[in-house]
Amino acid sequence: MSLSPELLEILVCPKCKGELEYRTEPAEQLVCHACRLVYAVEDDIPIMLIDEATPL
């Protein structure tokens, strides 16, 4: 499964409020290019915690 288009429209980076790129390969993740952070998606739930994000 993947994230719904409606959810992807409203999600923004919690740090800078910028746009997120949704990637499905090699794993589901949301990427903020401005902050250079990657937010994981686990069981179709985006983990939008800045402390849990990994550097790009």
C-alpha atoms as a PDB file:
ATOM      1  CA  MET A   1       0.000   0.000   0.000  1.00  0.00           C
ATOM      2  CA  SER A   2       1.016   3.616  -0.292  1.00  0.00           C
ATOM      3  CA  LEU A   3       0.059   6.950   1.175  1.00  0.00           C
ATOM      4  CA  SER A   4      -3.102   8.521  -0.170  1.00  0.00           C
ATOM      5  CA  PRO A   5      -2.771  11.450  -2.587  1.00  0.00           C
ATOM      6  CA  GLU A   6      -4.969  13.556  -0.265  1.00  0.00           C
ATOM      7  CA  LEU A   7      -2.555  13.020   2.629  1.00  0.00           C
ATOM      8  CA  LEU A   8       0.489  13.756   0.472  1.00  0.00           C
ATOM      9  CA  GLU A   9      -1.072  17.089  -0.552  1.00  0.00           C
ATOM     10  CA  ILE A  10      -1.232  18.358   3.027  1.00  0.00           C
ATOM     11  CA  LEU A  11       1.964  16.906   4.503  1.00  0.00           C
ATOM     12  CA  VAL A  12       4.863  19.318   4.905  1.00  0.00           C
ATOM     13  CA  CYS A  13       8.246  19.102   6.582  1.00  0.00           C
ATOM     14  CA  PRO A  14       7.756  19.671  10.322  1.00  0.00           C
ATOM     15  CA  LYS A  15      11.047  21.574  10.510  1.00  0.00           C
ATOM     16  CA  CYS A  16      10.807  24.090   7.629  1.00  0.00           C
ATOM     17  CA  LYS A  17       7.191  23.588   6.450  1.00  0.00           C
ATOM     18  CA  GLY A  18       8.552  22.898   2.966  1.00  0.00           C
ATOM     19  CA  GLU A  19       7.465  20.392   0.328  1.00  0.00           C
ATOM     20  CA  LEU A  20       8.169  16.696   0.728  1.00  0.00           C
ATOM     21  CA  GLU A  21       9.069  14.220  -1.999  1.00  0.00           C
ATOM     22  CA  TYR A  22       7.391  10.828  -1.617  1.00  0.00           C
ATOM     23  CA  ARG A  23       9.643   7.879  -2.467  1.00  0.00           C
ATOM     24  CA  THR A  24       8.633   4.241  -2.562  1.00  0.00           C
ATOM     25  CA  GLU A  25      11.981   2.635  -3.427  1.00  0.00           C
ATOM     26  CA  PRO A  26      14.028   1.185  -1.783  1.00  0.00           C
ATOM     27  CA  ALA A  27      11.660   1.928   1.121  1.00  0.00           C
ATOM     28  CA  GLU A  28       8.704   4.233   1.663  1.00  0.00           C
ATOM     29  CA  GLN A  29       9.957   7.612   2.842  1.00  0.00           C
ATOM     30  CA  LEU A  30       9.317  11.330   2.654  1.00  0.00           C
ATOM     31  CA  VAL A  31      12.263  13.551   1.749  1.00  0.00           C
ATOM     32  CA  CYS A  32      12.729  17.250   2.490  1.00  0.00           C
ATOM     33  CA  HIS A  33      15.401  18.582   0.150  1.00  0.00           C
ATOM     34  CA  ALA A  34      15.563  21.971   1.922  1.00  0.00           C
ATOM     35  CA  CYS A  35      16.437  20.436   5.319  1.00  0.00           C
ATOM     36  CA  ARG A  36      18.110  17.384   3.781  1.00  0.00           C
ATOM     37  CA  LEU A  37      16.083  15.083   6.057  1.00  0.00           C
ATOM     38  CA  VAL A  38      14.372  11.774   5.365  1.00  0.00           C
ATOM     39  CA  TYR A  39      11.219  10.788   7.255  1.00  0.00           C
ATOM     40  CA  ALA A  40      10.361   7.087   7.347  1.00  0.00           C
ATOM     41  CA  VAL A  41       6.941   5.660   6.521  1.00  0.00           C
ATOM     42  CA  GLU A  42       6.102   2.561   8.574  1.00  0.00           C
ATOM     43  CA  ASP A  43       2.922   0.549   7.913  1.00  0.00           C
ATOM     44  CA  ASP A  44       1.546   3.471   5.843  1.00  0.00           C
ATOM     45  CA  ILE A  45       2.113   5.889   8.751  1.00  0.00           C
ATOM     46  CA  PRO A  46       4.550   8.760   8.161  1.00  0.00           C
ATOM     47  CA  ILE A  47       6.896   9.255  11.117  1.00  0.00           C
ATOM     48  CA  MET A  48       7.052  13.063  11.083  1.00  0.00           C
ATOM     49  CA  LEU A  49       9.247  13.573  14.151  1.00  0.00           C
ATOM     50  CA  ILE A  50      12.325  15.715  13.533  1.00  0.00           C
ATOM     51  CA  ASP A  51      14.328  13.666  16.056  1.00  0.00           C
ATOM     52  CA  GLU A  52      13.475  10.450  14.164  1.00  0.00           C
ATOM     53  CA  ALA A  53      14.469  11.799  10.739  1.00  0.00           C
ATOM     54  CA  THR A  54      17.726  10.716   9.132  1.00  0.00           C
ATOM     55  CA  PRO A  55      20.095  12.941   7.125  1.00  0.00           C
ATOM     56  CA  LEU A  56      19.845  12.760   3.342  1.00  0.00           C
END
